C-alpha atoms as a PDB file:
ATOM      1  CA  MET A   1       0.000   0.000   0.000  1.00  0.00           C
ATOM      2  CA  ILE A   2       1.363   3.404  -0.958  1.00  0.00           C
ATOM      3  CA  VAL A   3       1.039   6.038   1.702  1.00  0.00           C
ATOM      4  CA  ASP A   4       0.997   9.635   0.536  1.00  0.00           C
ATOM      5  CA  PHE A   5       2.359  12.400   2.765  1.00  0.00           C
ATOM      6  CA  PRO A   6       1.063  15.522   1.108  1.00  0.00           C
ATOM      7  CA  GLY A   7       3.229  18.596   1.691  1.00  0.00           C
ATOM      8  CA  ARG A   8       6.048  16.733   3.451  1.00  0.00           C
ATOM      9  CA  LEU A   9       8.334  16.240   0.454  1.00  0.00           C
ATOM     10  CA  PRO A  10       8.314  19.919  -0.594  1.00  0.00           C
ATOM     11  CA  ARG A  11       9.002  20.927   3.008  1.00  0.00           C
ATOM     12  CA  PHE A  12      11.876  18.444   3.223  1.00  0.00           C
ATOM     13  CA  LEU A  13      13.395  19.703  -0.020  1.00  0.00           C
ATOM     14  CA  SER A  14      13.050  23.297   1.151  1.00  0.00           C
ATOM     15  CA  SER A  15      14.794  22.512   4.448  1.00  0.00           C
ATOM     16  CA  PHE A  16      17.525  20.574   2.656  1.00  0.00           C
ATOM     17  CA  ALA A  17      18.156  23.462   0.258  1.00  0.00           C
ATOM     18  CA  ALA A  18      18.360  25.940   3.156  1.00  0.00           C
ATOM     19  CA  ALA A  19      20.824  23.693   4.985  1.00  0.00           C
ATOM     20  CA  LEU A  20      22.920  23.293   1.836  1.00  0.00           C
ATOM     21  CA  THR A  21      22.962  27.060   1.298  1.00  0.00           C
ATOM     22  CA  ALA A  22      24.058  27.667   4.901  1.00  0.00           C
ATOM     23  CA  THR A  23      26.815  25.062   4.561  1.00  0.00           C
ATOM     24  CA  ALA A  24      28.063  26.628   1.338  1.00  0.00           C
ATOM     25  CA  ALA A  25      28.053  30.085   2.923  1.00  0.00           C
ATOM     26  CA  GLY A  26      30.004  28.792   5.903  1.00  0.00           C
ATOM     27  CA  ALA A  27      32.554  27.131   3.633  1.00  0.00           C
ATOM     28  CA  ALA A  28      32.963  30.369   1.659  1.00  0.00           C
ATOM     29  CA  VAL A  29      33.586  32.340   4.846  1.00  0.00           C
ATOM     30  CA  LEU A  30      36.135  29.759   5.974  1.00  0.00           C
ATOM     31  CA  LEU A  31      37.947  29.848   2.648  1.00  0.00           C
ATOM     32  CA  ALA A  32      38.010  33.649   2.690  1.00  0.00           C
ATOM     33  CA  ALA A  33      39.557  33.595   6.171  1.00  0.00           C
ATOM     34  CA  VAL A  34      42.419  31.307   5.154  1.00  0.00           C
ATOM     35  CA  PRO A  35      44.514  33.956   3.313  1.00  0.00           C
ATOM     36  CA  VAL A  36      44.080  36.362   6.217  1.00  0.00           C
ATOM     37  CA  ALA A  37      45.181  33.792   8.793  1.00  0.00           C
ATOM     38  CA  VAL A  38      48.123  32.544   6.720  1.00  0.00           C
ATOM     39  CA  SER A  39      49.357  36.043   5.866  1.00  0.00           C
ATOM     40  CA  ASP A  40      49.131  37.162   9.492  1.00  0.00           C
ATOM     41  CA  LEU A  41      51.139  34.104  10.536  1.00  0.00           C
ATOM     42  CA  LEU A  42      53.800  34.693   7.878  1.00  0.00           C
ATOM     43  CA  GLU A  43      54.407  38.305   8.867  1.00  0.00           C
ATOM     44  CA  THR A  44      54.768  37.521  12.588  1.00  0.00           C
ATOM     45  CA  PRO A  45      58.577  36.922  12.462  1.00  0.00           C
ATOM     46  CA  GLY A  46      59.097  40.524  11.343  1.00  0.00           C
ATOM     47  CA  ASP A  47      56.769  42.212  13.843  1.00  0.00           C
ATOM     48  CA  SER A  48      59.410  42.779  16.498  1.00  0.00           C
ATOM     49  CA  MET A  49      61.730  44.308  13.876  1.00  0.00           C
ATOM     50  CA  LEU A  50      59.001  46.725  12.808  1.00  0.00           C
ATOM     51  CA  ARG A  51      58.324  47.781  16.409  1.00  0.00           C
ATOM     52  CA  ARG A  52      62.013  48.534  16.869  1.00  0.00           C
ATOM     53  CA  LEU A  53      62.037  50.642  13.713  1.00  0.00           C
ATOM     54  CA  GLN A  54      58.980  52.533  14.920  1.00  0.00           C
ATOM     55  CA  ASN A  55      60.902  53.271  18.123  1.00  0.00           C
ATOM     56  CA  GLU A  56      63.754  54.557  15.910  1.00  0.00           C
ATOM     57  CA  GLU A  57      66.115  51.801  17.029  1.00  0.00           C
ATOM     58  CA  VAL A  58      68.978  50.745  14.756  1.00  0.00           C
ATOM     59  CA  LEU A  59      68.546  47.352  13.077  1.00  0.00           C
ATOM     60  CA  ASN A  60      71.315  45.303  11.520  1.00  0.00           C
ATOM     61  CA  GLU A  61      71.128  43.838   8.023  1.00  0.00           C
ATOM     62  CA  THR A  62      69.952  40.429   9.235  1.00  0.00           C
ATOM     63  CA  ASP A  63      67.014  41.939  11.127  1.00  0.00           C
ATOM     64  CA  LEU A  64      66.042  44.130   8.181  1.00  0.00           C
ATOM     65  CA  GLU A  65      66.119  41.153   5.821  1.00  0.00           C
ATOM     66  CA  ARG A  66      63.902  39.232   8.247  1.00  0.00           C
ATOM     67  CA  LEU A  67      61.379  42.072   8.220  1.00  0.00           C
ATOM     68  CA  ILE A  68      61.406  42.279   4.424  1.00  0.00           C
ATOM     69  CA  ARG A  69      61.054  38.510   3.931  1.00  0.00           C
ATOM     70  CA  SER A  70      58.150  38.288   6.370  1.00  0.00           C
ATOM     71  CA  ARG A  71      56.224  41.027   4.562  1.00  0.00           C
ATOM     72  CA  GLU A  72      57.030  39.678   1.111  1.00  0.00           C
ATOM     73  CA  ALA A  73      55.696  36.248   2.135  1.00  0.00           C
ATOM     74  CA  ALA A  74      52.562  37.748   3.681  1.00  0.00           C
ATOM     75  CA  VAL A  75      51.784  39.998   0.728  1.00  0.00           C
ATOM     76  CA  LEU A  76      51.629  36.972  -1.591  1.00  0.00           C
ATOM     77  CA  TRP A  77      48.642  35.701   0.397  1.00  0.00           C
ATOM     78  CA  ARG A  78      47.001  39.020   1.153  1.00  0.00           C
ATOM     79  CA  PRO A  79      48.353  42.282  -0.236  1.00  0.00           C
ATOM     80  CA  THR A  80      47.730  45.262   2.038  1.00  0.00           C
ATOM     81  CA  ALA A  81      48.899  48.853   1.890  1.00  0.00           C
ATOM     82  CA  ARG A  82      50.763  48.524   5.185  1.00  0.00           C
ATOM     83  CA  ARG A  83      52.713  45.475   4.011  1.00  0.00           C
ATOM     84  CA  HIS A  84      53.857  47.246   0.856  1.00  0.00           C
ATOM     85  CA  THR A  85      55.041  50.260   2.851  1.00  0.00           C
ATOM     86  CA  ASP A  86      56.783  47.977   5.382  1.00  0.00           C
ATOM     87  CA  ILE A  87      58.687  46.310   2.532  1.00  0.00           C
ATOM     88  CA  ALA A  88      59.672  49.701   1.186  1.00  0.00           C
ATOM     89  CA  LEU A  89      60.840  50.891   4.596  1.00  0.00           C
ATOM     90  CA  GLY A  90      62.967  47.780   5.149  1.00  0.00           C
ATOM     91  CA  ARG A  91      64.535  47.983   1.700  1.00  0.00           C
ATOM     92  CA  MET A  92      65.266  51.668   2.060  1.00  0.00           C
ATOM     93  CA  ILE A  93      67.088  51.289   5.364  1.00  0.00           C
ATOM     94  CA  LEU A  94      68.873  48.150   4.159  1.00  0.00           C
ATOM     95  CA  GLY A  95      70.080  50.118   1.168  1.00  0.00           C
ATOM     96  CA  GLU A  96      71.791  52.576   3.513  1.00  0.00           C
ATOM     97  CA  TYR A  97      74.214  49.777   4.422  1.00  0.00           C
ATOM     98  CA  GLN A  98      75.218  49.360   0.802  1.00  0.00           C
ATOM     99  CA  THR A  99      77.006  51.497  -1.765  1.00  0.00           C
ATOM    100  CA  MET A 100      74.449  52.713  -4.267  1.00  0.00           C
ATOM    101  CA  GLY A 101      74.392  54.849  -7.366  1.00  0.00           C
ATOM    102  CA  PRO A 102      71.748  57.506  -8.095  1.00  0.00           C
ATOM    103  CA  ALA A 103      69.694  55.092 -10.214  1.00  0.00           C
ATOM    104  CA  ASP A 104      70.047  52.042  -7.997  1.00  0.00           C
ATOM    105  CA  ARG A 105      67.421  49.397  -8.756  1.00  0.00           C
ATOM    106  CA  SER A 106      66.634  48.736  -5.097  1.00  0.00           C
ATOM    107  CA  LEU A 107      65.514  52.333  -4.618  1.00  0.00           C
ATOM    108  CA  MET A 108      63.296  52.059  -7.657  1.00  0.00           C
ATOM    109  CA  GLU A 109      61.740  48.972  -6.065  1.00  0.00           C
ATOM    110  CA  VAL A 110      61.211  50.982  -2.878  1.00  0.00           C
ATOM    111  CA  GLU A 111      59.367  53.654  -4.858  1.00  0.00           C
ATOM    112  CA  THR A 112      57.240  50.953  -6.521  1.00  0.00           C
ATOM    113  CA  GLU A 113      56.255  49.388  -3.182  1.00  0.00           C
ATOM    114  CA  LEU A 114      55.414  52.768  -1.689  1.00  0.00           C
ATOM    115  CA  THR A 115      53.286  53.672  -4.692  1.00  0.00           C
ATOM    116  CA  LYS A 116      51.355  50.397  -4.348  1.00  0.00           C
ATOM    117  CA  GLY A 117      50.781  50.912  -0.643  1.00  0.00           C
ATOM    118  CA  LEU A 118      49.861  54.573  -0.814  1.00  0.00           C
ATOM    119  CA  GLY A 119      47.523  53.936  -3.726  1.00  0.00           C
ATOM    120  CA  SER A 120      45.453  51.709  -1.425  1.00  0.00           C
ATOM    121  CA  ALA A 121      45.792  53.771   1.761  1.00  0.00           C
ATOM    122  CA  PRO A 122      46.697  57.391   1.013  1.00  0.00           C
ATOM    123  CA  MET A 123      46.139  58.725   4.544  1.00  0.00           C
ATOM    124  CA  ASN A 124      49.684  57.859   5.601  1.00  0.00           C
ATOM    125  CA  PRO A 125      51.950  60.885   6.171  1.00  0.00           C
ATOM    126  CA  TYR A 126      54.999  58.733   6.929  1.00  0.00           C
ATOM    127  CA  GLY A 127      54.490  56.736   3.757  1.00  0.00           C
ATOM    128  CA  TRP A 128      54.443  59.930   1.692  1.00  0.00           C
ATOM    129  CA  MET A 129      57.595  61.179   3.404  1.00  0.00           C
ATOM    130  CA  ARG A 130      59.292  57.844   2.711  1.00  0.00           C
ATOM    131  CA  LEU A 131      58.447  58.421  -0.950  1.00  0.00           C
ATOM    132  CA  VAL A 132      60.073  61.846  -0.681  1.00  0.00           C
ATOM    133  CA  GLN A 133      63.120  60.173   0.865  1.00  0.00           C
ATOM    134  CA  ALA A 134      63.312  57.571  -1.909  1.00  0.00           C
ATOM    135  CA  ARG A 135      63.077  60.228  -4.594  1.00  0.00           C
ATOM    136  CA  SER A 136      65.752  62.303  -2.871  1.00  0.00           C
ATOM    137  CA  ALA A 137      68.063  59.285  -2.818  1.00  0.00           C
ATOM    138  CA  LEU A 138      67.396  58.766  -6.527  1.00  0.00           C
ATOM    139  CA  GLY A 139      68.463  62.350  -7.192  1.00  0.00           C
ATOM    140  CA  ALA A 140      64.996  63.583  -8.145  1.00  0.00           C
ATOM    141  CA  ALA A 141      64.395  67.271  -8.756  1.00  0.00           C
ATOM    142  CA  SER A 142      62.630  69.267  -6.069  1.00  0.00           C
ATOM    143  CA  SER A 143      59.526  69.488  -8.280  1.00  0.00           C
ATOM    144  CA  GLU A 144      59.128  65.693  -8.006  1.00  0.00           C
ATOM    145  CA  LYS A 145      59.019  65.918  -4.207  1.00  0.00           C
ATOM    146  CA  VAL A 146      56.310  68.567  -3.956  1.00  0.00           C
ATOM    147  CA  SER A 147      53.368  66.246  -4.567  1.00  0.00           C
ATOM    148  CA  PRO A 148      54.249  63.610  -1.917  1.00  0.00           C
ATOM    149  CA  LEU A 149      55.233  66.362   0.533  1.00  0.00           C
ATOM    150  CA  ARG A 150      51.874  68.055  -0.044  1.00  0.00           C
ATOM    151  CA  LEU A 151      50.040  64.762   0.560  1.00  0.00           C
ATOM    152  CA  ALA A 152      52.059  64.161   3.737  1.00  0.00           C
ATOM    153  CA  LEU A 153      50.982  67.571   5.035  1.00  0.00           C
ATOM    154  CA  ARG A 154      47.350  66.953   4.128  1.00  0.00           C
ATOM    155  CA  SER A 155      47.164  63.446   5.606  1.00  0.00           C
ATOM    156  CA  GLY A 156      48.943  64.332   8.843  1.00  0.00           C
ATOM    157  CA  PRO A 157      49.248  68.108   9.241  1.00  0.00           C
ATOM    158  CA  HIS A 158      50.243  67.932  12.910  1.00  0.00           C
ATOM    159  CA  GLU A 159      51.860  64.486  12.938  1.00  0.00           C
ATOM    160  CA  ASP A 160      55.526  64.792  13.858  1.00  0.00           C
ATOM    161  CA  ARG A 161      56.238  62.223  16.564  1.00  0.00           C
ATOM    162  CA  ARG A 162      59.057  60.564  14.637  1.00  0.00           C
ATOM    163  CA  HIS A 163      61.988  62.923  14.760  1.00  0.00           C
ATOM    164  CA  SER A 164      63.746  61.657  11.628  1.00  0.00           C
ATOM    165  CA  MET A 165      60.600  62.222   9.582  1.00  0.00           C
ATOM    166  CA  LEU A 166      60.137  65.683  11.069  1.00  0.00           C
ATOM    167  CA  LEU A 167      63.661  66.679  10.016  1.00  0.00           C
ATOM    168  CA  LEU A 168      63.090  65.290   6.516  1.00  0.00           C
ATOM    169  CA  LEU A 169      59.819  67.209   6.250  1.00  0.00           C
ATOM    170  CA  VAL A 170      61.491  70.471   7.297  1.00  0.00           C
ATOM    171  CA  GLU A 171      64.363  69.920   4.875  1.00  0.00           C
ATOM    172  CA  THR A 172      62.039  69.168   1.965  1.00  0.00           C
ATOM    173  CA  GLY A 173      59.745  72.039   2.875  1.00  0.00           C
ATOM    174  CA  LEU A 174      62.689  74.434   2.784  1.00  0.00           C
ATOM    175  CA  GLU A 175      63.904  72.984  -0.509  1.00  0.00           C
ATOM    176  CA  THR A 176      60.512  73.261  -2.216  1.00  0.00           C
ATOM    177  CA  TRP A 177      59.398  76.493  -0.514  1.00  0.00           C
ATOM    178  CA  SER A 178      58.823  78.437  -3.733  1.00  0.00           C
ATOM    179  CA  GLU A 179      56.411  75.754  -5.010  1.00  0.00           C
ATOM    180  CA  LEU A 180      54.298  75.480  -1.858  1.00  0.00           C
ATOM    181  CA  GLN A 181      50.945  77.143  -1.181  1.00  0.00           C
ATOM    182  CA  GLU A 182      50.511  79.594   1.686  1.00  0.00           C
ATOM    183  CA  SER A 183      48.707  77.083   3.909  1.00  0.00           C
ATOM    184  CA  GLU A 184      51.490  74.556   3.313  1.00  0.00           C
ATOM    185  CA  ARG A 185      54.156  77.118   4.085  1.00  0.00           C
ATOM    186  CA  ALA A 186      52.440  77.889   7.380  1.00  0.00           C
ATOM    187  CA  LEU A 187      52.682  74.210   8.335  1.00  0.00           C
ATOM    188  CA  ILE A 188      56.366  74.084   7.377  1.00  0.00           C
ATOM    189  CA  VAL A 189      57.054  77.116   9.578  1.00  0.00           C
ATOM    190  CA  GLU A 190      55.221  75.432  12.458  1.00  0.00           C
ATOM    191  CA  LYS A 191      57.213  72.241  12.015  1.00  0.00           C
ATOM    192  CA  ALA A 192      60.523  74.073  11.622  1.00  0.00           C
ATOM    193  CA  ARG A 193      59.996  75.852  14.939  1.00  0.00           C
ATOM    194  CA  HIS A 194      59.017  72.600  16.638  1.00  0.00           C
ATOM    195  CA  SER A 195      62.042  70.836  15.170  1.00  0.00           C
ATOM    196  CA  TRP A 196      64.368  73.654  16.246  1.00  0.00           C
ATOM    197  CA  ASN A 197      63.102  73.446  19.817  1.00  0.00           C
ATOM    198  CA  ARG A 198      63.662  69.694  19.796  1.00  0.00           C
ATOM    199  CA  ASP A 199      66.999  69.483  17.965  1.00  0.00           C
ATOM    200  CA  VAL A 200      68.901  72.658  17.067  1.00  0.00           C
ATOM    201  CA  ARG A 201      71.822  70.939  15.331  1.00  0.00           C
ATOM    202  CA  GLY A 202      69.668  68.502  13.373  1.00  0.00           C
ATOM    203  CA  THR A 203      67.394  71.267  12.139  1.00  0.00           C
ATOM    204  CA  ALA A 204      70.354  73.454  11.178  1.00  0.00           C
ATOM    205  CA  ARG A 205      71.898  70.592   9.197  1.00  0.00           C
ATOM    206  CA  ALA A 206      68.573  69.997   7.428  1.00  0.00           C
ATOM    207  CA  ALA A 207      68.487  73.674   6.384  1.00  0.00           C
ATOM    208  CA  ILE A 208      72.082  73.505   5.156  1.00  0.00           C
ATOM    209  CA  ARG A 209      71.339  70.386   3.076  1.00  0.00           C
ATOM    210  CA  ALA A 210      68.397  72.246   1.524  1.00  0.00           C
ATOM    211  CA  ASP A 211      70.683  75.265   0.976  1.00  0.00           C
ATOM    212  CA  ARG A 212      68.098  77.441   2.746  1.00  0.00           C
ATOM    213  CA  ALA A 213      69.684  78.382   6.074  1.00  0.00           C
ATOM    214  CA  ASP A 214      68.573  81.955   5.432  1.00  0.00           C
ATOM    215  CA  LEU A 215      64.946  80.886   5.104  1.00  0.00           C
ATOM    216  CA  LEU A 216      65.103  78.888   8.339  1.00  0.00           C
ATOM    217  CA  ALA A 217      66.555  81.892  10.149  1.00  0.00           C
ATOM    218  CA  SER A 218      63.674  84.023   8.855  1.00  0.00           C
ATOM    219  CA  MET A 219      61.133  81.456  10.053  1.00  0.00           C
ATOM    220  CA  LEU A 220      62.686  81.460  13.514  1.00  0.00           C
ATOM    221  CA  GLY A 221      62.826  85.258  13.687  1.00  0.00           C
ATOM    222  CA  PHE A 222      66.619  85.545  13.697  1.00  0.00           C
END
């Protein structure tokens, strides 16, 4: 005898489809989380090196290479703006241990990594100043430094906790003074005075490198 269960089969199929959809969604979420987890794990060996750099400690070549390798491995799984800028920072400082010409390939790679990172996350004043630094090392004209300097000022107008970056900003501001807008000049004056109060010799050397000691003296009211 055939027993009919009207309505049960459609309900069963509906429940089965809902369960299958939920399972598929869960699997998709899990798969999406894998690159994040793997990339975070791969960059861990370089985290302590990055913290030391942020504290303006001196790293040796081995430590810098460890930082670079950790970020390069992580970026293959999940590219992020911060990882690109970390790679650029490590390569730039590592390059200071080596003898380089004005068109050294490693500095060009630094500029490429910074451009990738800043293209994804432009609100990074230190990243823009690192780009200024890379271009300076490549012998770029002052006109090529104005744009990243301007973006550094816009993204962090009062950000000057890292002394080395503050000195670089003052130096570049003095060098490109004639190409800056009035609002940008006002920020450079503010930073020059702050830098002078923090480090007289360092600020004076920055002005001499920019060949604008006279302009610095005017800013300081001398």
